[in-house]
Amino acid sequence: MPTYEYKCDKCDKIFEVFQGIKDEPIKNCPKCKSKVKKLISTGAGLIFKGKGFYQTDYKSAAPPDGEKGKPSLPCGKSEKCGSCDLED
């Protein structure tokens, strides 16, 4: 459910209400009972944390037991094969 922000016309009180989309809008200020206006707000922004969106959401299959701990080269192989331009 979204949070809506309202402002009172008389006392300028700004308050938030957690209500469903289909709920009736608030009409009166909880402080002075005067009319209120619904404010347009941007809502919460998305926050991405970690090394990458897909790396944290989708885990790759575990490597076979024999390859555990071996470093991977840019080509995806675990041993130098001559296709990479890496120096020793």
PDB file of N, CA and C in Angstrom:
ATOM      1  N   MET A   1       0.837  -1.186   0.000  1.00  0.00           N
ATOM      2  CA  MET A   1       0.000   0.000   0.000  1.00  0.00           C
ATOM      3  C   MET A   1       0.882   1.249   0.000  1.00  0.00           C
ATOM      4  N   PRO A   2       0.495   2.243  -0.761  1.00  0.00           N
ATOM      5  CA  PRO A   2       1.293   3.474  -0.830  1.00  0.00           C
ATOM      6  C   PRO A   2       1.029   4.417   0.348  1.00  0.00           C
ATOM      7  N   THR A   3       1.951   5.327   0.534  1.00  0.00           N
ATOM      8  CA  THR A   3       1.816   6.382   1.535  1.00  0.00           C
ATOM      9  C   THR A   3       1.489   7.682   0.807  1.00  0.00           C
ATOM     10  N   TYR A   4       0.424   8.348   1.237  1.00  0.00           N
ATOM     11  CA  TYR A   4       0.007   9.601   0.621  1.00  0.00           C
ATOM     12  C   TYR A   4       0.297  10.752   1.577  1.00  0.00           C
ATOM     13  N   GLU A   5       0.628  11.905   0.995  1.00  0.00           N
ATOM     14  CA  GLU A   5       0.955  13.086   1.778  1.00  0.00           C
ATOM     15  C   GLU A   5      -0.147  14.127   1.583  1.00  0.00           C
ATOM     16  N   TYR A   6      -0.571  14.717   2.690  1.00  0.00           N
ATOM     17  CA  TYR A   6      -1.628  15.727   2.668  1.00  0.00           C
ATOM     18  C   TYR A   6      -1.138  16.996   3.364  1.00  0.00           C
ATOM     19  N   LYS A   7      -1.759  18.151   2.991  1.00  0.00           N
ATOM     20  CA  LYS A   7      -1.446  19.426   3.636  1.00  0.00           C
ATOM     21  C   LYS A   7      -2.755  20.135   3.953  1.00  0.00           C
ATOM     22  N   CYS A   8      -2.830  20.638   5.170  1.00  0.00           N
ATOM     23  CA  CYS A   8      -4.025  21.353   5.614  1.00  0.00           C
ATOM     24  C   CYS A   8      -4.041  22.761   5.031  1.00  0.00           C
ATOM     25  N   ASP A   9      -5.222  23.211   4.572  1.00  0.00           N
ATOM     26  CA  ASP A   9      -5.375  24.561   4.011  1.00  0.00           C
ATOM     27  C   ASP A   9      -5.280  25.643   5.082  1.00  0.00           C
ATOM     28  N   LYS A  10      -5.688  25.320   6.310  1.00  0.00           N
ATOM     29  CA  LYS A  10      -5.767  26.328   7.368  1.00  0.00           C
ATOM     30  C   LYS A  10      -4.487  26.394   8.221  1.00  0.00           C
ATOM     31  N   CYS A  11      -4.066  25.267   8.787  1.00  0.00           N
ATOM     32  CA  CYS A  11      -2.927  25.299   9.718  1.00  0.00           C
ATOM     33  C   CYS A  11      -1.602  24.882   9.071  1.00  0.00           C
ATOM     34  N   ASP A  12      -1.617  24.568   7.789  1.00  0.00           N
ATOM     35  CA  ASP A  12      -0.423  24.169   7.015  1.00  0.00           C
ATOM     36  C   ASP A  12       0.271  22.910   7.535  1.00  0.00           C
ATOM     37  N   LYS A  13      -0.428  22.113   8.318  1.00  0.00           N
ATOM     38  CA  LYS A  13       0.137  20.853   8.802  1.00  0.00           C
ATOM     39  C   LYS A  13       0.275  19.888   7.627  1.00  0.00           C
ATOM     40  N   ILE A  14       1.454  19.276   7.506  1.00  0.00           N
ATOM     41  CA  ILE A  14       1.688  18.264   6.472  1.00  0.00           C
ATOM     42  C   ILE A  14       1.775  16.914   7.186  1.00  0.00           C
ATOM     43  N   PHE A  15       1.005  15.949   6.680  1.00  0.00           N
ATOM     44  CA  PHE A  15       1.003  14.626   7.304  1.00  0.00           C
ATOM     45  C   PHE A  15       0.896  13.548   6.231  1.00  0.00           C
ATOM     46  N   GLU A  16       1.333  12.353   6.605  1.00  0.00           N
ATOM     47  CA  GLU A  16       1.299  11.206   5.695  1.00  0.00           C
ATOM     48  C   GLU A  16       0.278  10.187   6.176  1.00  0.00           C
ATOM     49  N   VAL A  17      -0.361   9.522   5.216  1.00  0.00           N
ATOM     50  CA  VAL A  17      -1.342   8.494   5.532  1.00  0.00           C
ATOM     51  C   VAL A  17      -1.027   7.268   4.687  1.00  0.00           C
ATOM     52  N   PHE A  18      -0.938   6.122   5.346  1.00  0.00           N
ATOM     53  CA  PHE A  18      -0.693   4.845   4.680  1.00  0.00           C
ATOM     54  C   PHE A  18      -2.059   4.247   4.361  1.00  0.00           C
ATOM     55  N   GLN A  19      -2.437   4.260   3.067  1.00  0.00           N
ATOM     56  CA  GLN A  19      -3.764   3.782   2.688  1.00  0.00           C
ATOM     57  C   GLN A  19      -3.732   3.109   1.319  1.00  0.00           C
ATOM     58  N   GLY A  20      -4.731   2.283   1.074  1.00  0.00           N
ATOM     59  CA  GLY A  20      -4.833   1.581  -0.194  1.00  0.00           C
ATOM     60  C   GLY A  20      -5.168   2.511  -1.346  1.00  0.00           C
ATOM     61  N   ILE A  21      -4.898   2.051  -2.554  1.00  0.00           N
ATOM     62  CA  ILE A  21      -5.147   2.852  -3.752  1.00  0.00           C
ATOM     63  C   ILE A  21      -6.635   3.151  -3.922  1.00  0.00           C
ATOM     64  N   LYS A  22      -7.468   2.198  -3.569  1.00  0.00           N
ATOM     65  CA  LYS A  22      -8.915   2.370  -3.745  1.00  0.00           C
ATOM     66  C   LYS A  22      -9.589   3.052  -2.550  1.00  0.00           C
ATOM     67  N   ASP A  23      -8.841   3.333  -1.486  1.00  0.00           N
ATOM     68  CA  ASP A  23      -9.419   4.002  -0.310  1.00  0.00           C
ATOM     69  C   ASP A  23      -9.818   5.435  -0.645  1.00  0.00           C
ATOM     70  N   GLU A  24     -10.816   5.916   0.038  1.00  0.00           N
ATOM     71  CA  GLU A  24     -11.302   7.295  -0.112  1.00  0.00           C
ATOM     72  C   GLU A  24     -10.224   8.262   0.424  1.00  0.00           C
ATOM     73  N   PRO A  25      -9.909   9.347  -0.314  1.00  0.00           N
ATOM     74  CA  PRO A  25      -8.904  10.301   0.174  1.00  0.00           C
ATOM     75  C   PRO A  25      -9.336  10.973   1.478  1.00  0.00           C
ATOM     76  N   ILE A  26      -8.351  11.369   2.277  1.00  0.00           N
ATOM     77  CA  ILE A  26      -8.619  12.086   3.525  1.00  0.00           C
ATOM     78  C   ILE A  26      -9.163  13.472   3.172  1.00  0.00           C
ATOM     79  N   LYS A  27     -10.179  13.908   3.888  1.00  0.00           N
ATOM     80  CA  LYS A  27     -10.801  15.201   3.585  1.00  0.00           C
ATOM     81  C   LYS A  27     -10.542  16.250   4.650  1.00  0.00           C
ATOM     82  N   ASN A  28     -10.314  15.834   5.916  1.00  0.00           N
ATOM     83  CA  ASN A  28     -10.164  16.781   7.011  1.00  0.00           C
ATOM     84  C   ASN A  28      -8.843  16.575   7.745  1.00  0.00           C
ATOM     85  N   CYS A  29      -8.278  17.679   8.202  1.00  0.00           N
ATOM     86  CA  CYS A  29      -7.030  17.674   8.961  1.00  0.00           C
ATOM     87  C   CYS A  29      -7.259  17.013  10.327  1.00  0.00           C
ATOM     88  N   PRO A  30      -6.351  16.135  10.753  1.00  0.00           N
ATOM     89  CA  PRO A  30      -6.525  15.514  12.069  1.00  0.00           C
ATOM     90  C   PRO A  30      -6.303  16.502  13.225  1.00  0.00           C
ATOM     91  N   LYS A  31      -5.624  17.639  12.960  1.00  0.00           N
ATOM     92  CA  LYS A  31      -5.328  18.625  14.002  1.00  0.00           C
ATOM     93  C   LYS A  31      -6.461  19.639  14.184  1.00  0.00           C
ATOM     94  N   CYS A  32      -6.878  20.289  13.065  1.00  0.00           N
ATOM     95  CA  CYS A  32      -7.866  21.372  13.182  1.00  0.00           C
ATOM     96  C   CYS A  32      -9.188  21.077  12.458  1.00  0.00           C
ATOM     97  N   LYS A  33      -9.282  19.930  11.817  1.00  0.00           N
ATOM     98  CA  LYS A  33     -10.509  19.479  11.121  1.00  0.00           C
ATOM     99  C   LYS A  33     -10.868  20.298   9.886  1.00  0.00           C
ATOM    100  N   SER A  34      -9.950  21.125   9.373  1.00  0.00           N
ATOM    101  CA  SER A  34     -10.192  21.885   8.140  1.00  0.00           C
ATOM    102  C   SER A  34      -9.922  21.009   6.924  1.00  0.00           C
ATOM    103  N   LYS A  35     -10.222  21.558   5.743  1.00  0.00           N
ATOM    104  CA  LYS A  35     -10.016  20.809   4.505  1.00  0.00           C
ATOM    105  C   LYS A  35      -8.532  20.618   4.219  1.00  0.00           C
ATOM    106  N   VAL A  36      -8.214  19.499   3.572  1.00  0.00           N
ATOM    107  CA  VAL A  36      -6.822  19.202   3.214  1.00  0.00           C
ATOM    108  C   VAL A  36      -6.712  18.972   1.714  1.00  0.00           C
ATOM    109  N   LYS A  37      -5.493  19.116   1.194  1.00  0.00           N
ATOM    110  CA  LYS A  37      -5.194  18.819  -0.207  1.00  0.00           C
ATOM    111  C   LYS A  37      -4.177  17.690  -0.263  1.00  0.00           C
ATOM    112  N   LYS A  38      -4.366  16.806  -1.218  1.00  0.00           N
ATOM    113  CA  LYS A  38      -3.401  15.728  -1.420  1.00  0.00           C
ATOM    114  C   LYS A  38      -2.221  16.300  -2.196  1.00  0.00           C
ATOM    115  N   LEU A  39      -1.019  16.072  -1.691  1.00  0.00           N
ATOM    116  CA  LEU A  39       0.190  16.561  -2.344  1.00  0.00           C
ATOM    117  C   LEU A  39       0.711  15.519  -3.324  1.00  0.00           C
ATOM    118  N   ILE A  40       1.370  15.994  -4.348  1.00  0.00           N
ATOM    119  CA  ILE A  40       1.999  15.097  -5.313  1.00  0.00           C
ATOM    120  C   ILE A  40       3.415  14.853  -4.820  1.00  0.00           C
ATOM    121  N   SER A  41       3.747  13.590  -4.604  1.00  0.00           N
ATOM    122  CA  SER A  41       5.089  13.269  -4.126  1.00  0.00           C
ATOM    123  C   SER A  41       5.765  12.316  -5.102  1.00  0.00           C
ATOM    124  N   THR A  42       7.080  12.262  -5.007  1.00  0.00           N
ATOM    125  CA  THR A  42       7.849  11.416  -5.924  1.00  0.00           C
ATOM    126  C   THR A  42       7.919   9.977  -5.461  1.00  0.00           C
ATOM    127  N   GLY A  43       7.636   9.724  -4.208  1.00  0.00           N
ATOM    128  CA  GLY A  43       7.730   8.364  -3.705  1.00  0.00           C
ATOM    129  C   GLY A  43       9.168   8.007  -3.391  1.00  0.00           C
ATOM    130  N   ALA A  44       9.377   6.767  -3.062  1.00  0.00           N
ATOM    131  CA  ALA A  44      10.727   6.305  -2.719  1.00  0.00           C
ATOM    132  C   ALA A  44      11.485   5.922  -3.979  1.00  0.00           C
ATOM    133  N   GLY A  45      12.741   6.228  -3.993  1.00  0.00           N
ATOM    134  CA  GLY A  45      13.586   5.867  -5.125  1.00  0.00           C
ATOM    135  C   GLY A  45      14.139   4.452  -4.962  1.00  0.00           C
ATOM    136  N   LEU A  46      14.612   3.895  -6.032  1.00  0.00           N
ATOM    137  CA  LEU A  46      15.230   2.580  -5.984  1.00  0.00           C
ATOM    138  C   LEU A  46      16.665   2.712  -5.506  1.00  0.00           C
ATOM    139  N   ILE A  47      17.078   1.781  -4.690  1.00  0.00           N
ATOM    140  CA  ILE A  47      18.451   1.783  -4.191  1.00  0.00           C
ATOM    141  C   ILE A  47      19.082   0.453  -4.566  1.00  0.00           C
ATOM    142  N   PHE A  48      20.158   0.525  -5.335  1.00  0.00           N
ATOM    143  CA  PHE A  48      20.888  -0.675  -5.713  1.00  0.00           C
ATOM    144  C   PHE A  48      22.132  -0.760  -4.853  1.00  0.00           C
ATOM    145  N   LYS A  49      22.299  -1.878  -4.164  1.00  0.00           N
ATOM    146  CA  LYS A  49      23.477  -2.081  -3.326  1.00  0.00           C
ATOM    147  C   LYS A  49      24.220  -3.309  -3.813  1.00  0.00           C
ATOM    148  N   GLY A  50      25.487  -3.364  -3.528  1.00  0.00           N
ATOM    149  CA  GLY A  50      26.275  -4.528  -3.884  1.00  0.00           C
ATOM    150  C   GLY A  50      27.070  -4.304  -5.157  1.00  0.00           C
ATOM    151  N   LYS A  51      27.676  -5.383  -5.644  1.00  0.00           N
ATOM    152  CA  LYS A  51      28.548  -5.294  -6.806  1.00  0.00           C
ATOM    153  C   LYS A  51      27.782  -5.141  -8.110  1.00  0.00           C
ATOM    154  N   GLY A  52      26.568  -5.654  -8.175  1.00  0.00           N
ATOM    155  CA  GLY A  52      25.804  -5.542  -9.410  1.00  0.00           C
ATOM    156  C   GLY A  52      24.411  -6.103  -9.238  1.00  0.00           C
ATOM    157  N   PHE A  53      23.505  -5.603 -10.027  1.00  0.00           N
ATOM    158  CA  PHE A  53      22.105  -6.004  -9.918  1.00  0.00           C
ATOM    159  C   PHE A  53      21.919  -7.486 -10.198  1.00  0.00           C
ATOM    160  N   TYR A  54      22.438  -7.961 -11.311  1.00  0.00           N
ATOM    161  CA  TYR A  54      22.230  -9.357 -11.681  1.00  0.00           C
ATOM    162  C   TYR A  54      23.092 -10.308 -10.863  1.00  0.00           C
ATOM    163  N   GLN A  55      24.270  -9.878 -10.426  1.00  0.00           N
ATOM    164  CA  GLN A  55      25.120 -10.749  -9.625  1.00  0.00           C
ATOM    165  C   GLN A  55      24.475 -11.064  -8.290  1.00  0.00           C
ATOM    166  N   THR A  56      23.736 -10.131  -7.727  1.00  0.00           N
ATOM    167  CA  THR A  56      23.140 -10.379  -6.425  1.00  0.00           C
ATOM    168  C   THR A  56      21.779 -11.057  -6.537  1.00  0.00           C
ATOM    169  N   ASP A  57      21.116 -10.919  -7.650  1.00  0.00           N
ATOM    170  CA  ASP A  57      19.791 -11.506  -7.796  1.00  0.00           C
ATOM    171  C   ASP A  57      19.800 -12.932  -8.343  1.00  0.00           C
ATOM    172  N   TYR A  58      20.738 -13.239  -9.198  1.00  0.00           N
ATOM    173  CA  TYR A  58      20.763 -14.542  -9.839  1.00  0.00           C
ATOM    174  C   TYR A  58      22.116 -15.190  -9.593  1.00  0.00           C
ATOM    175  N   LYS A  59      22.135 -16.230  -8.791  1.00  0.00           N
ATOM    176  CA  LYS A  59      23.392 -16.915  -8.520  1.00  0.00           C
ATOM    177  C   LYS A  59      23.664 -17.926  -9.625  1.00  0.00           C
ATOM    178  N   SER A  60      24.940 -18.003 -10.010  1.00  0.00           N
ATOM    179  CA  SER A  60      25.319 -18.982 -11.024  1.00  0.00           C
ATOM    180  C   SER A  60      25.458 -20.347 -10.363  1.00  0.00           C
ATOM    181  N   ALA A  61      25.484 -21.375 -11.181  1.00  0.00           N
ATOM    182  CA  ALA A  61      25.637 -22.730 -10.670  1.00  0.00           C
ATOM    183  C   ALA A  61      27.009 -22.866 -10.019  1.00  0.00           C
ATOM    184  N   ALA A  62      27.107 -23.700  -9.011  1.00  0.00           N
ATOM    185  CA  ALA A  62      28.377 -23.920  -8.320  1.00  0.00           C
ATOM    186  C   ALA A  62      29.349 -24.635  -9.263  1.00  0.00           C
ATOM    187  N   PRO A  63      30.658 -24.285  -9.212  1.00  0.00           N
ATOM    188  CA  PRO A  63      31.626 -24.945 -10.085  1.00  0.00           C
ATOM    189  C   PRO A  63      31.809 -26.407  -9.668  1.00  0.00           C
ATOM    190  N   PRO A  64      32.216 -27.269 -10.604  1.00  0.00           N
ATOM    191  CA  PRO A  64      32.464 -28.666 -10.244  1.00  0.00           C
ATOM    192  C   PRO A  64      33.532 -28.746  -9.155  1.00  0.00           C
ATOM    193  N   ASP A  65      33.535 -29.836  -8.381  1.00  0.00           N
ATOM    194  CA  ASP A  65      34.429 -29.981  -7.238  1.00  0.00           C
ATOM    195  C   ASP A  65      35.895 -29.811  -7.603  1.00  0.00           C
ATOM    196  N   GLY A  66      36.331 -30.288  -8.767  1.00  0.00           N
ATOM    197  CA  GLY A  66      37.731 -30.204  -9.169  1.00  0.00           C
ATOM    198  C   GLY A  66      38.184 -28.795  -9.478  1.00  0.00           C
ATOM    199  N   GLU A  67      37.267 -27.883  -9.812  1.00  0.00           N
ATOM    200  CA  GLU A  67      37.636 -26.525 -10.196  1.00  0.00           C
ATOM    201  C   GLU A  67      37.432 -25.516  -9.078  1.00  0.00           C
ATOM    202  N   LYS A  68      37.063 -25.976  -7.908  1.00  0.00           N
ATOM    203  CA  LYS A  68      36.823 -25.066  -6.796  1.00  0.00           C
ATOM    204  C   LYS A  68      38.118 -24.380  -6.388  1.00  0.00           C
ATOM    205  N   GLY A  69      38.120 -23.069  -6.304  1.00  0.00           N
ATOM    206  CA  GLY A  69      39.279 -22.320  -5.863  1.00  0.00           C
ATOM    207  C   GLY A  69      40.245 -21.933  -6.969  1.00  0.00           C
ATOM    208  N   LYS A  70      40.107 -22.459  -8.186  1.00  0.00           N
ATOM    209  CA  LYS A  70      41.004 -22.091  -9.276  1.00  0.00           C
ATOM    210  C   LYS A  70      40.573 -20.736  -9.830  1.00  0.00           C
ATOM    211  N   PRO A  71      41.535 -19.840 -10.104  1.00  0.00           N
ATOM    212  CA  PRO A  71      41.159 -18.535 -10.661  1.00  0.00           C
ATOM    213  C   PRO A  71      40.664 -18.662 -12.088  1.00  0.00           C
ATOM    214  N   SER A  72      39.753 -17.829 -12.459  1.00  0.00           N
ATOM    215  CA  SER A  72      39.197 -17.841 -13.807  1.00  0.00           C
ATOM    216  C   SER A  72      39.834 -16.724 -14.629  1.00  0.00           C
ATOM    217  N   LEU A  73      40.176 -17.003 -15.866  1.00  0.00           N
ATOM    218  CA  LEU A  73      40.755 -16.019 -16.769  1.00  0.00           C
ATOM    219  C   LEU A  73      39.654 -15.254 -17.491  1.00  0.00           C
ATOM    220  N   PRO A  74      39.953 -14.123 -18.129  1.00  0.00           N
ATOM    221  CA  PRO A  74      38.919 -13.337 -18.823  1.00  0.00           C
ATOM    222  C   PRO A  74      38.149 -14.125 -19.876  1.00  0.00           C
ATOM    223  N   CYS A  75      38.806 -15.157 -20.456  1.00  0.00           N
ATOM    224  CA  CYS A  75      38.116 -15.952 -21.476  1.00  0.00           C
ATOM    225  C   CYS A  75      37.172 -16.972 -20.852  1.00  0.00           C
ATOM    226  N   GLY A  76      37.224 -17.122 -19.516  1.00  0.00           N
ATOM    227  CA  GLY A  76      36.343 -18.059 -18.834  1.00  0.00           C
ATOM    228  C   GLY A  76      37.000 -19.387 -18.532  1.00  0.00           C
ATOM    229  N   LYS A  77      38.212 -19.596 -19.007  1.00  0.00           N
ATOM    230  CA  LYS A  77      38.926 -20.852 -18.747  1.00  0.00           C
ATOM    231  C   LYS A  77      39.724 -20.721 -17.465  1.00  0.00           C
ATOM    232  N   SER A  78      40.093 -21.853 -16.885  1.00  0.00           N
ATOM    233  CA  SER A  78      40.826 -21.814 -15.626  1.00  0.00           C
ATOM    234  C   SER A  78      42.336 -21.941 -15.817  1.00  0.00           C
ATOM    235  N   GLU A  79      42.801 -22.249 -17.025  1.00  0.00           N
ATOM    236  CA  GLU A  79      44.234 -22.344 -17.300  1.00  0.00           C
ATOM    237  C   GLU A  79      44.564 -21.540 -18.544  1.00  0.00           C
ATOM    238  N   LYS A  80      45.799 -21.033 -18.623  1.00  0.00           N
ATOM    239  CA  LYS A  80      46.221 -20.259 -19.770  1.00  0.00           C
ATOM    240  C   LYS A  80      46.280 -21.173 -20.989  1.00  0.00           C
ATOM    241  N   CYS A  81      45.622 -20.781 -22.075  1.00  0.00           N
ATOM    242  CA  CYS A  81      45.533 -21.633 -23.264  1.00  0.00           C
ATOM    243  C   CYS A  81      46.134 -20.966 -24.512  1.00  0.00           C
ATOM    244  N   GLY A  82      46.571 -19.735 -24.386  1.00  0.00           N
ATOM    245  CA  GLY A  82      47.123 -19.033 -25.531  1.00  0.00           C
ATOM    246  C   GLY A  82      46.147 -18.091 -26.199  1.00  0.00           C
ATOM    247  N   SER A  83      44.860 -18.195 -25.901  1.00  0.00           N
ATOM    248  CA  SER A  83      43.870 -17.300 -26.512  1.00  0.00           C
ATOM    249  C   SER A  83      43.790 -15.958 -25.800  1.00  0.00           C
ATOM    250  N   CYS A  84      44.301 -15.880 -24.571  1.00  0.00           N
ATOM    251  CA  CYS A  84      44.295 -14.622 -23.815  1.00  0.00           C
ATOM    252  C   CYS A  84      45.655 -13.950 -23.982  1.00  0.00           C
ATOM    253  N   ASP A  85      45.674 -12.657 -23.984  1.00  0.00           N
ATOM    254  CA  ASP A  85      46.931 -11.884 -24.091  1.00  0.00           C
ATOM    255  C   ASP A  85      47.438 -11.550 -22.696  1.00  0.00           C
ATOM    256  N   LEU A  86      47.622 -12.556 -21.874  1.00  0.00           N
ATOM    257  CA  LEU A  86      48.114 -12.353 -20.515  1.00  0.00           C
ATOM    258  C   LEU A  86      49.576 -12.733 -20.421  1.00  0.00           C
ATOM    259  N   GLU A  87      50.328 -11.929 -19.677  1.00  0.00           N
ATOM    260  CA  GLU A  87      51.733 -12.251 -19.453  1.00  0.00           C
ATOM    261  C   GLU A  87      51.872 -12.972 -18.136  1.00  0.00           C
ATOM    262  N   ASP A  88      52.890 -13.807 -18.008  1.00  0.00           N
ATOM    263  CA  ASP A  88      53.116 -14.563 -16.778  1.00  0.00           C
ATOM    264  C   ASP A  88      53.567 -13.688 -15.648  1.00  0.00           C
TER     265      ASP A  88
END
